[in-house]
Amino acid sequence: MIGLVVCAAVSTDATSTATPAVRDLLLHLAGPRAFVRGEAYFTEGRVRSLHEDGSVLAGVVEGKEQYRVEVHRGSAGRSQLIAACTCPHGADGRFCKHAVAVALAGLEGRDEVAEEDELRGWLARQRHGVLVDLLWEAAQADPALADRLADRRDADAGGPPPPRWSTVQGRRSTRRW
């Protein structure tokens, strides 16, 4: 019997400033195909609303749909990354291309934690009612903001987006942390 070894060619040309060790870890976790596609998503600027809260990087990635992603960095003595994504690949518990994109984006700007990012993280941790009150007060003080919110409200009047295919099929994804 003849053994066959299949190797995947992955470019070693870094398109991000992530260290080789981080790139190797992401390649190991995601596999060559998801890694290359995730790196492309990152370089194309598809990562939106990225924020960091402690050891968690969270963001939204524009793919065929908008996918929510969380990447948890390992604690002291543990270098592994754990990811959760709302895409079908990520819902199966695998490290998907969206998780690669968020990890690269979060590690890219790690040395440049801006005050704006700290505010975003704080806002993300607030209860819904607190956010509604803050936004209402800001809109009362800023007519331009009130107009933007009214435009957003009018645009959303068409109803919610259609359900995902997996929801229509009756499947649910469950994640355990």
C-alpha atoms as a PDB file:
ATOM      1  CA  MET A   1       0.000   0.000   0.000  1.00  0.00           C
ATOM      2  CA  ILE A   2       1.337   3.420  -0.933  1.00  0.00           C
ATOM      3  CA  GLY A   3       0.881   6.298   1.500  1.00  0.00           C
ATOM      4  CA  LEU A   4      -0.125   9.643   0.125  1.00  0.00           C
ATOM      5  CA  VAL A   5       0.701  12.888   1.882  1.00  0.00           C
ATOM      6  CA  VAL A   6      -1.254  15.981   0.897  1.00  0.00           C
ATOM      7  CA  CYS A   7       0.286  19.335   1.639  1.00  0.00           C
ATOM      8  CA  ALA A   8      -1.465  22.658   1.313  1.00  0.00           C
ATOM      9  CA  ALA A   9       0.564  25.576   0.077  1.00  0.00           C
ATOM     10  CA  VAL A  10       0.069  28.617   2.257  1.00  0.00           C
ATOM     11  CA  SER A  11       1.789  31.880   1.481  1.00  0.00           C
ATOM     12  CA  THR A  12       4.333  32.987   4.024  1.00  0.00           C
ATOM     13  CA  ASP A  13       4.038  36.575   2.849  1.00  0.00           C
ATOM     14  CA  ALA A  14       2.447  38.350   5.790  1.00  0.00           C
ATOM     15  CA  THR A  15      -0.285  40.793   4.853  1.00  0.00           C
ATOM     16  CA  SER A  16      -0.689  41.782   8.493  1.00  0.00           C
ATOM     17  CA  THR A  17       1.697  42.754  11.249  1.00  0.00           C
ATOM     18  CA  ALA A  18       0.816  39.676  13.308  1.00  0.00           C
ATOM     19  CA  THR A  19       3.901  37.837  14.506  1.00  0.00           C
ATOM     20  CA  PRO A  20       4.875  34.568  12.812  1.00  0.00           C
ATOM     21  CA  ALA A  21       3.923  32.702  15.999  1.00  0.00           C
ATOM     22  CA  VAL A  22       0.397  34.174  15.902  1.00  0.00           C
ATOM     23  CA  ARG A  23       0.068  33.432  12.193  1.00  0.00           C
ATOM     24  CA  ASP A  24       1.218  29.844  12.803  1.00  0.00           C
ATOM     25  CA  LEU A  25      -1.280  29.442  15.651  1.00  0.00           C
ATOM     26  CA  LEU A  26      -4.156  30.771  13.519  1.00  0.00           C
ATOM     27  CA  LEU A  27      -3.096  28.545  10.620  1.00  0.00           C
ATOM     28  CA  HIS A  28      -3.072  25.541  12.949  1.00  0.00           C
ATOM     29  CA  LEU A  29      -6.476  26.356  14.440  1.00  0.00           C
ATOM     30  CA  ALA A  30      -8.289  27.274  11.224  1.00  0.00           C
ATOM     31  CA  GLY A  31      -6.500  25.216   8.595  1.00  0.00           C
ATOM     32  CA  PRO A  32      -4.916  26.599   5.423  1.00  0.00           C
ATOM     33  CA  ARG A  33      -8.087  27.424   3.490  1.00  0.00           C
ATOM     34  CA  ALA A  34      -9.897  29.252   6.304  1.00  0.00           C
ATOM     35  CA  PHE A  35      -6.663  31.016   7.305  1.00  0.00           C
ATOM     36  CA  VAL A  36      -6.006  32.390   3.800  1.00  0.00           C
ATOM     37  CA  ARG A  37      -9.625  33.468   3.378  1.00  0.00           C
ATOM     38  CA  GLY A  38      -9.730  35.032   6.849  1.00  0.00           C
ATOM     39  CA  GLU A  39      -6.533  36.945   6.196  1.00  0.00           C
ATOM     40  CA  ALA A  40      -8.076  38.204   2.935  1.00  0.00           C
ATOM     41  CA  TYR A  41     -11.196  39.334   4.823  1.00  0.00           C
ATOM     42  CA  PHE A  42      -8.953  41.199   7.241  1.00  0.00           C
ATOM     43  CA  THR A  43      -6.903  42.934   4.521  1.00  0.00           C
ATOM     44  CA  GLU A  44     -10.091  43.829   2.599  1.00  0.00           C
ATOM     45  CA  GLY A  45     -11.363  45.643   5.696  1.00  0.00           C
ATOM     46  CA  ARG A  46     -14.382  43.412   6.272  1.00  0.00           C
ATOM     47  CA  VAL A  47     -14.018  43.446  10.068  1.00  0.00           C
ATOM     48  CA  ARG A  48     -16.505  45.915  11.548  1.00  0.00           C
ATOM     49  CA  SER A  49     -17.145  47.206  15.065  1.00  0.00           C
ATOM     50  CA  LEU A  50     -14.148  45.485  16.614  1.00  0.00           C
ATOM     51  CA  HIS A  51     -13.749  45.900  20.351  1.00  0.00           C
ATOM     52  CA  GLU A  52     -11.795  44.273  23.130  1.00  0.00           C
ATOM     53  CA  ASP A  53     -13.037  43.506  26.609  1.00  0.00           C
ATOM     54  CA  GLY A  54     -10.414  41.836  28.759  1.00  0.00           C
ATOM     55  CA  SER A  55      -9.369  38.635  27.037  1.00  0.00           C
ATOM     56  CA  VAL A  56     -12.214  38.745  24.496  1.00  0.00           C
ATOM     57  CA  LEU A  57     -12.025  40.253  21.024  1.00  0.00           C
ATOM     58  CA  ALA A  58     -15.468  40.765  19.505  1.00  0.00           C
ATOM     59  CA  GLY A  59     -16.430  42.012  16.099  1.00  0.00           C
ATOM     60  CA  VAL A  60     -18.720  41.740  13.125  1.00  0.00           C
ATOM     61  CA  VAL A  61     -17.383  40.433   9.819  1.00  0.00           C
ATOM     62  CA  GLU A  62     -19.027  41.166   6.481  1.00  0.00           C
ATOM     63  CA  GLY A  63     -19.313  37.951   4.477  1.00  0.00           C
ATOM     64  CA  LYS A  64     -22.360  36.701   2.609  1.00  0.00           C
ATOM     65  CA  GLU A  65     -24.111  37.973   5.742  1.00  0.00           C
ATOM     66  CA  GLN A  66     -22.916  39.843   8.805  1.00  0.00           C
ATOM     67  CA  TYR A  67     -21.392  37.362  11.235  1.00  0.00           C
ATOM     68  CA  ARG A  68     -20.787  38.048  14.931  1.00  0.00           C
ATOM     69  CA  VAL A  69     -17.494  36.688  16.195  1.00  0.00           C
ATOM     70  CA  GLU A  70     -15.860  36.376  19.605  1.00  0.00           C
ATOM     71  CA  VAL A  71     -12.262  35.263  20.023  1.00  0.00           C
ATOM     72  CA  HIS A  72     -11.183  34.403  23.556  1.00  0.00           C
ATOM     73  CA  ARG A  73      -7.482  34.538  24.316  1.00  0.00           C
ATOM     74  CA  GLY A  74      -6.134  31.865  26.619  1.00  0.00           C
ATOM     75  CA  SER A  75      -5.326  32.733  30.194  1.00  0.00           C
ATOM     76  CA  ALA A  76      -1.841  32.735  31.711  1.00  0.00           C
ATOM     77  CA  GLY A  77       0.043  29.607  30.724  1.00  0.00           C
ATOM     78  CA  ARG A  78      -2.411  28.897  27.900  1.00  0.00           C
ATOM     79  CA  SER A  79      -1.763  30.308  24.454  1.00  0.00           C
ATOM     80  CA  GLN A  80      -4.719  28.735  22.672  1.00  0.00           C
ATOM     81  CA  LEU A  81      -7.446  30.872  21.128  1.00  0.00           C
ATOM     82  CA  ILE A  82     -11.101  29.855  21.330  1.00  0.00           C
ATOM     83  CA  ALA A  83     -13.583  31.302  18.860  1.00  0.00           C
ATOM     84  CA  ALA A  84     -17.327  31.421  18.358  1.00  0.00           C
ATOM     85  CA  CYS A  85     -18.992  32.667  15.203  1.00  0.00           C
ATOM     86  CA  THR A  86     -22.569  32.815  13.987  1.00  0.00           C
ATOM     87  CA  CYS A  87     -21.603  31.359  10.586  1.00  0.00           C
ATOM     88  CA  PRO A  88     -22.427  27.690   9.871  1.00  0.00           C
ATOM     89  CA  HIS A  89     -18.738  26.684   9.971  1.00  0.00           C
ATOM     90  CA  GLY A  90     -18.201  28.433  13.308  1.00  0.00           C
ATOM     91  CA  ALA A  91     -21.482  27.111  14.713  1.00  0.00           C
ATOM     92  CA  ASP A  92     -20.035  23.614  14.292  1.00  0.00           C
ATOM     93  CA  GLY A  93     -17.307  24.580  16.747  1.00  0.00           C
ATOM     94  CA  ARG A  94     -14.562  25.136  14.186  1.00  0.00           C
ATOM     95  CA  PHE A  95     -12.198  28.118  13.944  1.00  0.00           C
ATOM     96  CA  CYS A  96     -13.581  29.813  10.806  1.00  0.00           C
ATOM     97  CA  LYS A  97     -12.277  32.478   8.412  1.00  0.00           C
ATOM     98  CA  HIS A  98     -14.324  35.131  10.247  1.00  0.00           C
ATOM     99  CA  ALA A  99     -12.560  34.261  13.515  1.00  0.00           C
ATOM    100  CA  VAL A 100      -9.187  34.521  11.752  1.00  0.00           C
ATOM    101  CA  ALA A 101     -10.125  37.987  10.459  1.00  0.00           C
ATOM    102  CA  VAL A 102     -11.202  39.190  13.917  1.00  0.00           C
ATOM    103  CA  ALA A 103      -8.086  37.729  15.564  1.00  0.00           C
ATOM    104  CA  LEU A 104      -5.799  39.435  13.042  1.00  0.00           C
ATOM    105  CA  ALA A 105      -7.675  42.743  13.345  1.00  0.00           C
ATOM    106  CA  GLY A 106      -7.555  42.637  17.141  1.00  0.00           C
ATOM    107  CA  LEU A 107      -3.895  41.772  17.256  1.00  0.00           C
ATOM    108  CA  GLU A 108      -3.056  44.385  14.608  1.00  0.00           C
ATOM    109  CA  GLY A 109      -4.157  47.309  16.750  1.00  0.00           C
ATOM    110  CA  ARG A 110      -3.271  45.800  20.109  1.00  0.00           C
ATOM    111  CA  ASP A 111      -0.593  48.369  20.875  1.00  0.00           C
ATOM    112  CA  GLU A 112      -2.910  51.239  19.983  1.00  0.00           C
ATOM    113  CA  VAL A 113      -5.780  50.956  22.454  1.00  0.00           C
ATOM    114  CA  ALA A 114      -7.637  54.195  21.935  1.00  0.00           C
ATOM    115  CA  GLU A 115      -9.960  55.925  24.355  1.00  0.00           C
ATOM    116  CA  GLU A 116     -12.738  55.451  21.795  1.00  0.00           C
ATOM    117  CA  ASP A 117     -12.285  51.645  21.970  1.00  0.00           C
ATOM    118  CA  GLU A 118     -12.478  51.765  25.757  1.00  0.00           C
ATOM    119  CA  LEU A 119     -15.752  53.698  25.488  1.00  0.00           C
ATOM    120  CA  ARG A 120     -17.102  51.165  22.978  1.00  0.00           C
ATOM    121  CA  GLY A 121     -16.239  48.309  25.337  1.00  0.00           C
ATOM    122  CA  TRP A 122     -17.965  50.075  28.212  1.00  0.00           C
ATOM    123  CA  LEU A 123     -21.059  50.703  26.075  1.00  0.00           C
ATOM    124  CA  ALA A 124     -21.127  47.054  24.978  1.00  0.00           C
ATOM    125  CA  ARG A 125     -21.350  45.976  28.621  1.00  0.00           C
ATOM    126  CA  GLN A 126     -24.307  48.232  29.477  1.00  0.00           C
ATOM    127  CA  ARG A 127     -27.908  47.128  29.818  1.00  0.00           C
ATOM    128  CA  HIS A 128     -30.322  47.977  27.036  1.00  0.00           C
ATOM    129  CA  GLY A 129     -32.296  50.485  29.117  1.00  0.00           C
ATOM    130  CA  VAL A 130     -29.153  52.411  30.080  1.00  0.00           C
ATOM    131  CA  LEU A 131     -28.161  52.678  26.419  1.00  0.00           C
ATOM    132  CA  VAL A 132     -31.633  53.872  25.411  1.00  0.00           C
ATOM    133  CA  ASP A 133     -31.513  56.597  28.079  1.00  0.00           C
ATOM    134  CA  LEU A 134     -28.020  57.724  27.054  1.00  0.00           C
ATOM    135  CA  LEU A 135     -28.945  57.821  23.373  1.00  0.00           C
ATOM    136  CA  TRP A 136     -32.187  59.704  24.060  1.00  0.00           C
ATOM    137  CA  GLU A 137     -30.327  62.349  26.086  1.00  0.00           C
ATOM    138  CA  ALA A 138     -27.671  62.705  23.374  1.00  0.00           C
ATOM    139  CA  ALA A 139     -30.336  63.023  20.656  1.00  0.00           C
ATOM    140  CA  GLN A 140     -32.122  65.746  22.641  1.00  0.00           C
ATOM    141  CA  ALA A 141     -28.887  67.731  22.828  1.00  0.00           C
ATOM    142  CA  ASP A 142     -27.803  67.102  19.207  1.00  0.00           C
ATOM    143  CA  PRO A 143     -30.390  67.646  16.422  1.00  0.00           C
ATOM    144  CA  ALA A 144     -28.081  66.084  13.810  1.00  0.00           C
ATOM    145  CA  LEU A 145     -27.953  62.877  15.864  1.00  0.00           C
ATOM    146  CA  ALA A 146     -31.733  62.948  16.258  1.00  0.00           C
ATOM    147  CA  ASP A 147     -32.067  63.224  12.459  1.00  0.00           C
ATOM    148  CA  ARG A 148     -29.663  60.293  11.898  1.00  0.00           C
ATOM    149  CA  LEU A 149     -31.605  58.151  14.360  1.00  0.00           C
ATOM    150  CA  ALA A 150     -34.907  59.070  12.691  1.00  0.00           C
ATOM    151  CA  ASP A 151     -33.443  58.097   9.307  1.00  0.00           C
ATOM    152  CA  ARG A 152     -32.312  54.756  10.762  1.00  0.00           C
ATOM    153  CA  ARG A 153     -35.768  54.192  12.276  1.00  0.00           C
ATOM    154  CA  ASP A 154     -37.424  54.899   8.919  1.00  0.00           C
ATOM    155  CA  ALA A 155     -35.033  52.533   7.119  1.00  0.00           C
ATOM    156  CA  ASP A 156     -35.850  49.752   9.597  1.00  0.00           C
ATOM    157  CA  ALA A 157     -39.607  50.209   9.073  1.00  0.00           C
ATOM    158  CA  GLY A 158     -39.497  47.443   6.444  1.00  0.00           C
ATOM    159  CA  GLY A 159     -39.200  44.843   9.184  1.00  0.00           C
ATOM    160  CA  PRO A 160     -36.466  42.513  10.353  1.00  0.00           C
ATOM    161  CA  PRO A 161     -34.096  40.754   7.937  1.00  0.00           C
ATOM    162  CA  PRO A 162     -35.130  37.296   6.709  1.00  0.00           C
ATOM    163  CA  PRO A 163     -34.122  34.356   8.937  1.00  0.00           C
ATOM    164  CA  ARG A 164     -30.896  32.463   8.295  1.00  0.00           C
ATOM    165  CA  TRP A 165     -31.141  29.264   6.259  1.00  0.00           C
ATOM    166  CA  SER A 166     -30.276  27.084   9.272  1.00  0.00           C
ATOM    167  CA  THR A 167     -33.110  28.652  11.273  1.00  0.00           C
ATOM    168  CA  VAL A 168     -35.572  27.978   8.449  1.00  0.00           C
ATOM    169  CA  GLN A 169     -34.421  24.339   8.448  1.00  0.00           C
ATOM    170  CA  GLY A 170     -35.096  24.119  12.193  1.00  0.00           C
ATOM    171  CA  ARG A 171     -31.459  23.809  13.269  1.00  0.00           C
ATOM    172  CA  ARG A 172     -30.032  25.764  16.182  1.00  0.00           C
ATOM    173  CA  SER A 173     -26.449  26.282  17.102  1.00  0.00           C
ATOM    174  CA  THR A 174     -25.448  25.964  20.722  1.00  0.00           C
ATOM    175  CA  ARG A 175     -22.195  27.146  22.152  1.00  0.00           C
ATOM    176  CA  ARG A 176     -20.647  26.274  25.428  1.00  0.00           C
ATOM    177  CA  TRP A 177     -17.913  28.413  26.854  1.00  0.00           C
END
